[in-house]
């Protein structure tokens, strides 16, 4: 019985790492995508207490910001192209 518990823990940890690796795949980039050569001069730094992230929660990858506690999620982009 004492040998089964560490074995179960090891198997669980390995399965967790395998699942994590399978989900850690980069997003597909549209053919012909070219990153901008220069950033817009109108870009404004985010406040220190704001998190920026990319999500496909709308069905298309868009850029969002939110507070560290997960509130006030705001979409920064609304377009069909890859962001």
N, C-alpha and C. Protein backbone atom coordinates (compact mmCIF):
# COMPACT_ATOMS: atom_id res chain seq x y z
N UNK A 1 0.83 -1.20 0.00
CA UNK A 1 0.00 0.00 0.00
C UNK A 1 0.87 1.26 0.00
N UNK A 2 1.95 1.24 0.78
CA UNK A 2 2.82 2.41 0.85
C UNK A 2 3.54 2.67 -0.46
N UNK A 3 3.75 1.65 -1.27
CA UNK A 3 4.42 1.81 -2.55
C UNK A 3 3.47 2.35 -3.62
N UNK A 4 2.19 2.11 -3.46
CA UNK A 4 1.20 2.54 -4.45
C UNK A 4 1.03 4.06 -4.44
N UNK A 5 1.04 4.68 -3.30
CA UNK A 5 0.83 6.13 -3.20
C UNK A 5 1.91 6.91 -3.96
N UNK A 6 3.21 6.64 -3.76
CA UNK A 6 4.21 7.37 -4.56
C UNK A 6 4.09 7.08 -6.04
N UNK A 7 3.73 5.87 -6.40
CA UNK A 7 3.56 5.51 -7.81
C UNK A 7 2.42 6.30 -8.43
N UNK A 8 1.32 6.43 -7.72
CA UNK A 8 0.17 7.20 -8.20
C UNK A 8 0.57 8.67 -8.36
N UNK A 9 1.32 9.21 -7.42
CA UNK A 9 1.77 10.60 -7.51
C UNK A 9 2.68 10.82 -8.71
N UNK A 10 3.59 9.90 -8.97
CA UNK A 10 4.49 10.02 -10.11
C UNK A 10 3.71 9.94 -11.41
N UNK A 11 2.80 9.00 -11.53
CA UNK A 11 1.98 8.85 -12.74
C UNK A 11 1.13 10.10 -12.96
N UNK A 12 0.55 10.63 -11.91
CA UNK A 12 -0.26 11.85 -12.01
C UNK A 12 0.60 13.02 -12.48
N UNK A 13 1.78 13.16 -11.93
CA UNK A 13 2.68 14.26 -12.33
C UNK A 13 3.08 14.13 -13.79
N UNK A 14 3.40 12.93 -14.23
CA UNK A 14 3.79 12.71 -15.63
C UNK A 14 2.63 13.02 -16.56
N UNK A 15 1.43 12.57 -16.22
CA UNK A 15 0.26 12.86 -17.05
C UNK A 15 -0.01 14.36 -17.12
N UNK A 16 0.14 15.04 -15.99
CA UNK A 16 -0.04 16.49 -15.97
C UNK A 16 0.94 17.18 -16.90
N UNK A 17 2.20 16.78 -16.86
CA UNK A 17 3.21 17.38 -17.73
C UNK A 17 2.95 17.09 -19.20
N UNK A 18 2.48 15.90 -19.51
CA UNK A 18 2.16 15.55 -20.90
C UNK A 18 1.00 16.39 -21.39
N UNK A 19 -0.04 16.53 -20.60
CA UNK A 19 -1.19 17.35 -20.98
C UNK A 19 -0.78 18.80 -21.13
N UNK A 20 0.03 19.30 -20.22
CA UNK A 20 0.50 20.67 -20.29
C UNK A 20 1.29 20.91 -21.57
N UNK A 21 2.14 19.97 -21.94
CA UNK A 21 2.95 20.10 -23.15
C UNK A 21 2.06 20.08 -24.39
N UNK A 22 1.04 19.25 -24.40
CA UNK A 22 0.13 19.17 -25.55
C UNK A 22 -0.63 20.47 -25.74
N UNK A 23 -0.99 21.14 -24.63
CA UNK A 23 -1.73 22.39 -24.73
C UNK A 23 -0.83 23.58 -25.03
N UNK A 24 0.47 23.42 -24.85
CA UNK A 24 1.42 24.51 -25.02
C UNK A 24 1.91 24.56 -26.46
N UNK A 25 0.98 24.77 -27.36
CA UNK A 25 1.31 24.87 -28.78
C UNK A 25 1.12 26.31 -29.24
N UNK A 26 2.01 26.79 -30.09
CA UNK A 26 1.86 28.18 -30.56
C UNK A 26 0.63 28.32 -31.46
N UNK A 27 0.08 29.51 -31.47
CA UNK A 27 -1.07 29.79 -32.33
C UNK A 27 -0.63 29.78 -33.79
N UNK A 28 -1.52 29.38 -34.67
CA UNK A 28 -1.22 29.38 -36.10
C UNK A 28 -1.18 30.83 -36.60
N UNK A 29 -0.19 31.13 -37.40
CA UNK A 29 -0.06 32.47 -37.97
C UNK A 29 -0.57 32.41 -39.40
N UNK A 30 -1.42 33.35 -39.75
CA UNK A 30 -2.00 33.39 -41.09
C UNK A 30 -0.91 33.51 -42.15
N UNK A 31 -1.08 32.83 -43.29
CA UNK A 31 -0.12 32.97 -44.37
C UNK A 31 -0.02 34.43 -44.81
N UNK A 32 1.17 34.87 -45.08
CA UNK A 32 1.37 36.25 -45.52
C UNK A 32 1.43 37.26 -44.39
N UNK A 33 1.34 36.80 -43.14
CA UNK A 33 1.40 37.73 -42.02
C UNK A 33 2.76 38.38 -41.95
N UNK A 34 2.80 39.69 -41.84
CA UNK A 34 4.03 40.44 -41.68
C UNK A 34 3.89 41.34 -40.45
N UNK A 35 4.78 41.23 -39.49
CA UNK A 35 4.70 42.12 -38.34
C UNK A 35 5.01 43.55 -38.76
N UNK A 36 4.49 44.52 -38.04
CA UNK A 36 4.77 45.91 -38.41
C UNK A 36 6.26 46.19 -38.28
N UNK A 37 6.79 47.00 -39.20
CA UNK A 37 8.21 47.32 -39.14
C UNK A 37 8.50 48.40 -38.10
N UNK A 38 7.49 49.19 -37.76
CA UNK A 38 7.65 50.27 -36.79
C UNK A 38 6.39 50.32 -35.93
N UNK A 39 6.56 50.50 -34.64
CA UNK A 39 5.40 50.66 -33.77
C UNK A 39 4.83 52.06 -33.91
N UNK A 40 3.55 52.16 -33.73
CA UNK A 40 2.88 53.45 -33.81
C UNK A 40 3.43 54.40 -32.77
N UNK A 41 3.61 55.64 -33.15
CA UNK A 41 4.09 56.64 -32.19
C UNK A 41 3.00 57.01 -31.19
N UNK A 42 1.76 56.64 -31.48
CA UNK A 42 0.67 56.95 -30.56
C UNK A 42 0.54 55.90 -29.46
N UNK A 43 1.40 54.90 -29.47
CA UNK A 43 1.35 53.87 -28.44
C UNK A 43 1.63 54.48 -27.07
N UNK A 44 0.83 54.07 -26.10
CA UNK A 44 0.95 54.59 -24.74
C UNK A 44 1.25 53.41 -23.82
N UNK A 45 2.23 53.54 -22.93
CA UNK A 45 2.51 52.44 -22.00
C UNK A 45 1.30 52.12 -21.12
N UNK A 46 1.14 50.86 -20.80
CA UNK A 46 0.06 50.45 -19.90
C UNK A 46 0.40 50.82 -18.47
N UNK A 47 -0.61 51.10 -17.66
CA UNK A 47 -0.34 51.32 -16.23
C UNK A 47 0.30 50.07 -15.63
N UNK A 48 1.07 50.23 -14.59
CA UNK A 48 1.79 49.12 -13.96
C UNK A 48 0.85 48.04 -13.43
N UNK A 49 -0.40 48.40 -13.11
CA UNK A 49 -1.34 47.42 -12.56
C UNK A 49 -2.27 46.85 -13.62
N UNK A 50 -1.86 46.86 -14.89
CA UNK A 50 -2.67 46.34 -16.00
C UNK A 50 -1.93 45.20 -16.69
N UNK A 51 -2.65 44.13 -17.00
CA UNK A 51 -2.09 42.97 -17.68
C UNK A 51 -2.61 42.96 -19.11
N UNK A 52 -1.72 42.83 -20.08
CA UNK A 52 -2.11 42.69 -21.49
C UNK A 52 -1.96 41.22 -21.87
N UNK A 53 -2.91 40.72 -22.67
CA UNK A 53 -2.85 39.32 -23.09
C UNK A 53 -3.57 39.15 -24.42
N UNK A 54 -3.29 38.02 -25.07
CA UNK A 54 -3.87 37.65 -26.35
C UNK A 54 -4.81 36.49 -26.10
N UNK A 55 -6.02 36.53 -26.65
CA UNK A 55 -6.98 35.47 -26.40
C UNK A 55 -7.86 35.27 -27.63
N UNK A 56 -8.33 34.03 -27.81
CA UNK A 56 -9.28 33.74 -28.89
C UNK A 56 -10.69 33.56 -28.34
N UNK A 57 -10.98 34.20 -27.23
CA UNK A 57 -12.30 34.10 -26.59
C UNK A 57 -13.42 34.60 -27.49
N UNK A 58 -13.11 35.39 -28.50
CA UNK A 58 -14.13 35.90 -29.42
C UNK A 58 -14.24 35.04 -30.68
N UNK A 59 -13.41 33.98 -30.76
CA UNK A 59 -13.37 33.15 -31.96
C UNK A 59 -12.22 33.55 -32.87
N UNK A 60 -11.58 34.65 -32.58
CA UNK A 60 -10.43 35.14 -33.33
C UNK A 60 -9.48 35.75 -32.31
N UNK A 61 -8.19 35.56 -32.48
CA UNK A 61 -7.25 36.13 -31.53
C UNK A 61 -7.31 37.65 -31.55
N UNK A 62 -7.50 38.22 -30.37
CA UNK A 62 -7.54 39.67 -30.18
C UNK A 62 -6.67 40.01 -28.97
N UNK A 63 -6.31 41.28 -28.85
CA UNK A 63 -5.54 41.75 -27.71
C UNK A 63 -6.49 42.32 -26.66
N UNK A 64 -6.23 42.00 -25.39
CA UNK A 64 -7.06 42.44 -24.28
C UNK A 64 -6.19 42.98 -23.16
N UNK A 65 -6.81 43.75 -22.26
CA UNK A 65 -6.18 44.14 -21.01
C UNK A 65 -7.13 43.78 -19.88
N UNK A 66 -6.57 43.64 -18.67
CA UNK A 66 -7.39 43.38 -17.49
C UNK A 66 -6.62 43.79 -16.24
N UNK A 67 -7.35 43.92 -15.16
CA UNK A 67 -6.73 44.16 -13.85
C UNK A 67 -6.11 42.86 -13.36
N UNK A 68 -5.14 42.94 -12.46
CA UNK A 68 -4.51 41.71 -11.94
C UNK A 68 -5.48 40.73 -11.30
N UNK A 69 -6.62 41.22 -10.81
CA UNK A 69 -7.60 40.31 -10.18
C UNK A 69 -8.58 39.72 -11.20
N UNK A 70 -8.38 40.00 -12.50
CA UNK A 70 -9.22 39.43 -13.55
C UNK A 70 -10.43 40.27 -13.91
N UNK A 71 -10.62 41.41 -13.27
CA UNK A 71 -11.77 42.27 -13.57
C UNK A 71 -11.42 43.25 -14.68
N UNK A 72 -12.45 43.88 -15.20
CA UNK A 72 -12.33 44.91 -16.23
C UNK A 72 -11.54 44.45 -17.46
N UNK A 73 -11.97 43.32 -18.04
CA UNK A 73 -11.36 42.85 -19.27
C UNK A 73 -11.82 43.75 -20.41
N UNK A 74 -10.87 44.28 -21.16
CA UNK A 74 -11.17 45.21 -22.24
C UNK A 74 -10.47 44.75 -23.51
N UNK A 75 -11.24 44.62 -24.60
CA UNK A 75 -10.65 44.27 -25.89
C UNK A 75 -9.98 45.50 -26.49
N UNK A 76 -8.75 45.35 -26.93
CA UNK A 76 -8.04 46.45 -27.57
C UNK A 76 -8.15 46.40 -29.08
N UNK A 77 -8.40 45.21 -29.62
CA UNK A 77 -8.53 45.05 -31.07
C UNK A 77 -9.85 44.37 -31.39
N UNK A 78 -10.35 44.64 -32.58
CA UNK A 78 -11.61 44.04 -33.05
C UNK A 78 -11.48 43.86 -34.57
N UNK A 79 -10.68 42.93 -35.00
CA UNK A 79 -10.54 42.75 -36.44
C UNK A 79 -10.31 41.26 -36.76
N UNK A 80 -10.56 40.86 -37.99
CA UNK A 80 -10.45 39.45 -38.35
C UNK A 80 -9.01 38.97 -38.58
N UNK A 81 -8.05 39.89 -38.59
CA UNK A 81 -6.67 39.48 -38.84
C UNK A 81 -6.01 39.01 -37.55
N UNK A 82 -4.88 38.37 -37.71
CA UNK A 82 -4.13 37.86 -36.56
C UNK A 82 -3.55 39.02 -35.77
N UNK A 83 -3.78 39.04 -34.46
CA UNK A 83 -3.27 40.13 -33.61
C UNK A 83 -2.15 39.62 -32.72
